[in-house]
């Protein structure tokens, strides 16, 4: 049986994943297929950067603490970095369209 803290951790991790997907959502008006394609392309284009930064951050944290991070903490770090990178990528797309 799960403890309440484990359920809260899983719910908050799910919310972080939803926010990550929301920040990387690329809406194409009038077409659900185009929205899904654009979102998948966004995720695939930013994934190498997010994975690389996650590896660096996790390596630094593990060296500084001396212990291995749990998988859910690594997933949170990945999603947080993905949110930040997705936000700035969306800003750059917006600025390119505005010019």
C-alpha atoms as a PDB file:
ATOM      1  CA  UNK A   1       0.000   0.000   0.000  1.00  0.00           C
ATOM      2  CA  UNK A   2       1.230   3.476  -0.887  1.00  0.00           C
ATOM      3  CA  UNK A   3       1.863   6.065   1.757  1.00  0.00           C
ATOM      4  CA  UNK A   4       0.337   9.497   1.283  1.00  0.00           C
ATOM      5  CA  UNK A   5       3.747  11.016   0.623  1.00  0.00           C
ATOM      6  CA  UNK A   6       4.336   8.561  -2.231  1.00  0.00           C
ATOM      7  CA  UNK A   7       0.966   9.424  -3.745  1.00  0.00           C
ATOM      8  CA  UNK A   8       1.700  13.150  -3.437  1.00  0.00           C
ATOM      9  CA  UNK A   9       5.095  12.642  -5.094  1.00  0.00           C
ATOM     10  CA  UNK A  10       3.517  10.741  -7.981  1.00  0.00           C
ATOM     11  CA  UNK A  11       0.780  13.323  -8.451  1.00  0.00           C
ATOM     12  CA  UNK A  12       3.244  16.210  -8.397  1.00  0.00           C
ATOM     13  CA  UNK A  13       5.501  14.360 -10.854  1.00  0.00           C
ATOM     14  CA  UNK A  14       2.499  13.869 -13.135  1.00  0.00           C
ATOM     15  CA  UNK A  15       1.713  17.579 -12.926  1.00  0.00           C
ATOM     16  CA  UNK A  16       5.317  18.491 -13.772  1.00  0.00           C
ATOM     17  CA  UNK A  17       5.158  16.188 -16.809  1.00  0.00           C
ATOM     18  CA  UNK A  18       1.877  17.814 -17.899  1.00  0.00           C
ATOM     19  CA  UNK A  19       3.394  21.296 -17.589  1.00  0.00           C
ATOM     20  CA  UNK A  20       6.419  20.085 -19.577  1.00  0.00           C
ATOM     21  CA  UNK A  21       4.145  18.871 -22.360  1.00  0.00           C
ATOM     22  CA  UNK A  22       2.113  22.089 -22.203  1.00  0.00           C
ATOM     23  CA  UNK A  23       5.216  24.270 -22.593  1.00  0.00           C
ATOM     24  CA  UNK A  24       6.303  22.212 -25.588  1.00  0.00           C
ATOM     25  CA  UNK A  25       2.870  22.117 -27.214  1.00  0.00           C
ATOM     26  CA  UNK A  26       2.882  23.622 -30.694  1.00  0.00           C
ATOM     27  CA  UNK A  27      -0.669  24.436 -31.718  1.00  0.00           C
ATOM     28  CA  UNK A  28      -1.562  24.295 -35.402  1.00  0.00           C
ATOM     29  CA  UNK A  29      -4.978  25.846 -35.929  1.00  0.00           C
ATOM     30  CA  UNK A  30      -7.594  23.614 -37.461  1.00  0.00           C
ATOM     31  CA  UNK A  31      -5.655  20.365 -37.447  1.00  0.00           C
ATOM     32  CA  UNK A  32      -5.107  17.987 -34.565  1.00  0.00           C
ATOM     33  CA  UNK A  33      -2.659  15.917 -36.628  1.00  0.00           C
ATOM     34  CA  UNK A  34      -0.548  18.985 -37.416  1.00  0.00           C
ATOM     35  CA  UNK A  35      -0.572  19.940 -33.717  1.00  0.00           C
ATOM     36  CA  UNK A  36       0.631  16.474 -32.727  1.00  0.00           C
ATOM     37  CA  UNK A  37       3.313  16.466 -35.440  1.00  0.00           C
ATOM     38  CA  UNK A  38       4.559  19.930 -34.465  1.00  0.00           C
ATOM     39  CA  UNK A  39       4.623  19.021 -30.789  1.00  0.00           C
ATOM     40  CA  UNK A  40       6.530  15.792 -31.446  1.00  0.00           C
ATOM     41  CA  UNK A  41       9.021  17.668 -33.622  1.00  0.00           C
ATOM     42  CA  UNK A  42       9.477  20.226 -30.834  1.00  0.00           C
ATOM     43  CA  UNK A  43      10.068  17.476 -28.273  1.00  0.00           C
ATOM     44  CA  UNK A  44      12.530  15.663 -30.552  1.00  0.00           C
ATOM     45  CA  UNK A  45      14.423  18.854 -31.428  1.00  0.00           C
ATOM     46  CA  UNK A  46      14.886  19.933 -27.814  1.00  0.00           C
ATOM     47  CA  UNK A  47      15.392  16.461 -26.288  1.00  0.00           C
ATOM     48  CA  UNK A  48      19.165  16.251 -26.964  1.00  0.00           C
ATOM     49  CA  UNK A  49      19.750  19.558 -25.196  1.00  0.00           C
ATOM     50  CA  UNK A  50      17.512  18.649 -22.281  1.00  0.00           C
ATOM     51  CA  UNK A  51      19.094  15.202 -21.910  1.00  0.00           C
ATOM     52  CA  UNK A  52      22.602  16.687 -22.029  1.00  0.00           C
ATOM     53  CA  UNK A  53      21.834  19.342 -19.439  1.00  0.00           C
ATOM     54  CA  UNK A  54      20.068  16.770 -17.260  1.00  0.00           C
ATOM     55  CA  UNK A  55      23.139  14.540 -17.332  1.00  0.00           C
ATOM     56  CA  UNK A  56      25.346  17.480 -16.338  1.00  0.00           C
ATOM     57  CA  UNK A  57      23.063  18.620 -13.516  1.00  0.00           C
ATOM     58  CA  UNK A  58      22.509  15.097 -12.172  1.00  0.00           C
ATOM     59  CA  UNK A  59      26.233  14.323 -12.336  1.00  0.00           C
ATOM     60  CA  UNK A  60      27.038  17.502 -10.440  1.00  0.00           C
ATOM     61  CA  UNK A  61      24.384  16.812  -7.805  1.00  0.00           C
ATOM     62  CA  UNK A  62      25.478  13.206  -7.342  1.00  0.00           C
ATOM     63  CA  UNK A  63      29.118  14.213  -6.965  1.00  0.00           C
ATOM     64  CA  UNK A  64      28.282  16.931  -4.468  1.00  0.00           C
ATOM     65  CA  UNK A  65      26.000  14.743  -2.335  1.00  0.00           C
ATOM     66  CA  UNK A  66      27.877  11.473  -2.793  1.00  0.00           C
ATOM     67  CA  UNK A  67      24.732   9.451  -3.379  1.00  0.00           C
ATOM     68  CA  UNK A  68      22.631   8.438  -6.347  1.00  0.00           C
ATOM     69  CA  UNK A  69      19.485  10.452  -7.101  1.00  0.00           C
ATOM     70  CA  UNK A  70      16.162   8.600  -7.302  1.00  0.00           C
ATOM     71  CA  UNK A  71      14.569   8.248 -10.722  1.00  0.00           C
ATOM     72  CA  UNK A  72      11.671  10.579  -9.918  1.00  0.00           C
ATOM     73  CA  UNK A  73      14.048  13.395  -8.970  1.00  0.00           C
ATOM     74  CA  UNK A  74      15.919  12.887 -12.265  1.00  0.00           C
ATOM     75  CA  UNK A  75      12.581  12.992 -14.119  1.00  0.00           C
ATOM     76  CA  UNK A  76      11.709  16.260 -12.339  1.00  0.00           C
ATOM     77  CA  UNK A  77      15.061  17.769 -13.302  1.00  0.00           C
ATOM     78  CA  UNK A  78      14.541  16.665 -16.922  1.00  0.00           C
ATOM     79  CA  UNK A  79      11.040  18.158 -17.036  1.00  0.00           C
ATOM     80  CA  UNK A  80      12.125  21.394 -15.359  1.00  0.00           C
ATOM     81  CA  UNK A  81      14.954  21.870 -17.838  1.00  0.00           C
ATOM     82  CA  UNK A  82      12.569  20.919 -20.640  1.00  0.00           C
ATOM     83  CA  UNK A  83      10.105  23.579 -19.483  1.00  0.00           C
ATOM     84  CA  UNK A  84      12.826  26.231 -19.443  1.00  0.00           C
ATOM     85  CA  UNK A  85      14.228  25.256 -22.848  1.00  0.00           C
ATOM     86  CA  UNK A  86      10.725  24.911 -24.331  1.00  0.00           C
ATOM     87  CA  UNK A  87       9.824  28.375 -23.071  1.00  0.00           C
ATOM     88  CA  UNK A  88      12.872  30.032 -24.604  1.00  0.00           C
ATOM     89  CA  UNK A  89      12.484  28.061 -27.838  1.00  0.00           C
ATOM     90  CA  UNK A  90       8.866  29.247 -28.082  1.00  0.00           C
ATOM     91  CA  UNK A  91      10.017  32.835 -27.468  1.00  0.00           C
ATOM     92  CA  UNK A  92      12.577  32.573 -30.240  1.00  0.00           C
ATOM     93  CA  UNK A  93       9.922  31.178 -32.613  1.00  0.00           C
ATOM     94  CA  UNK A  94       7.610  34.042 -31.693  1.00  0.00           C
ATOM     95  CA  UNK A  95      10.320  36.654 -32.258  1.00  0.00           C
ATOM     96  CA  UNK A  96      11.234  35.122 -35.626  1.00  0.00           C
ATOM     97  CA  UNK A  97       7.610  35.347 -36.772  1.00  0.00           C
ATOM     98  CA  UNK A  98       7.292  38.932 -35.523  1.00  0.00           C
ATOM     99  CA  UNK A  99      10.255  40.153 -37.550  1.00  0.00           C
END
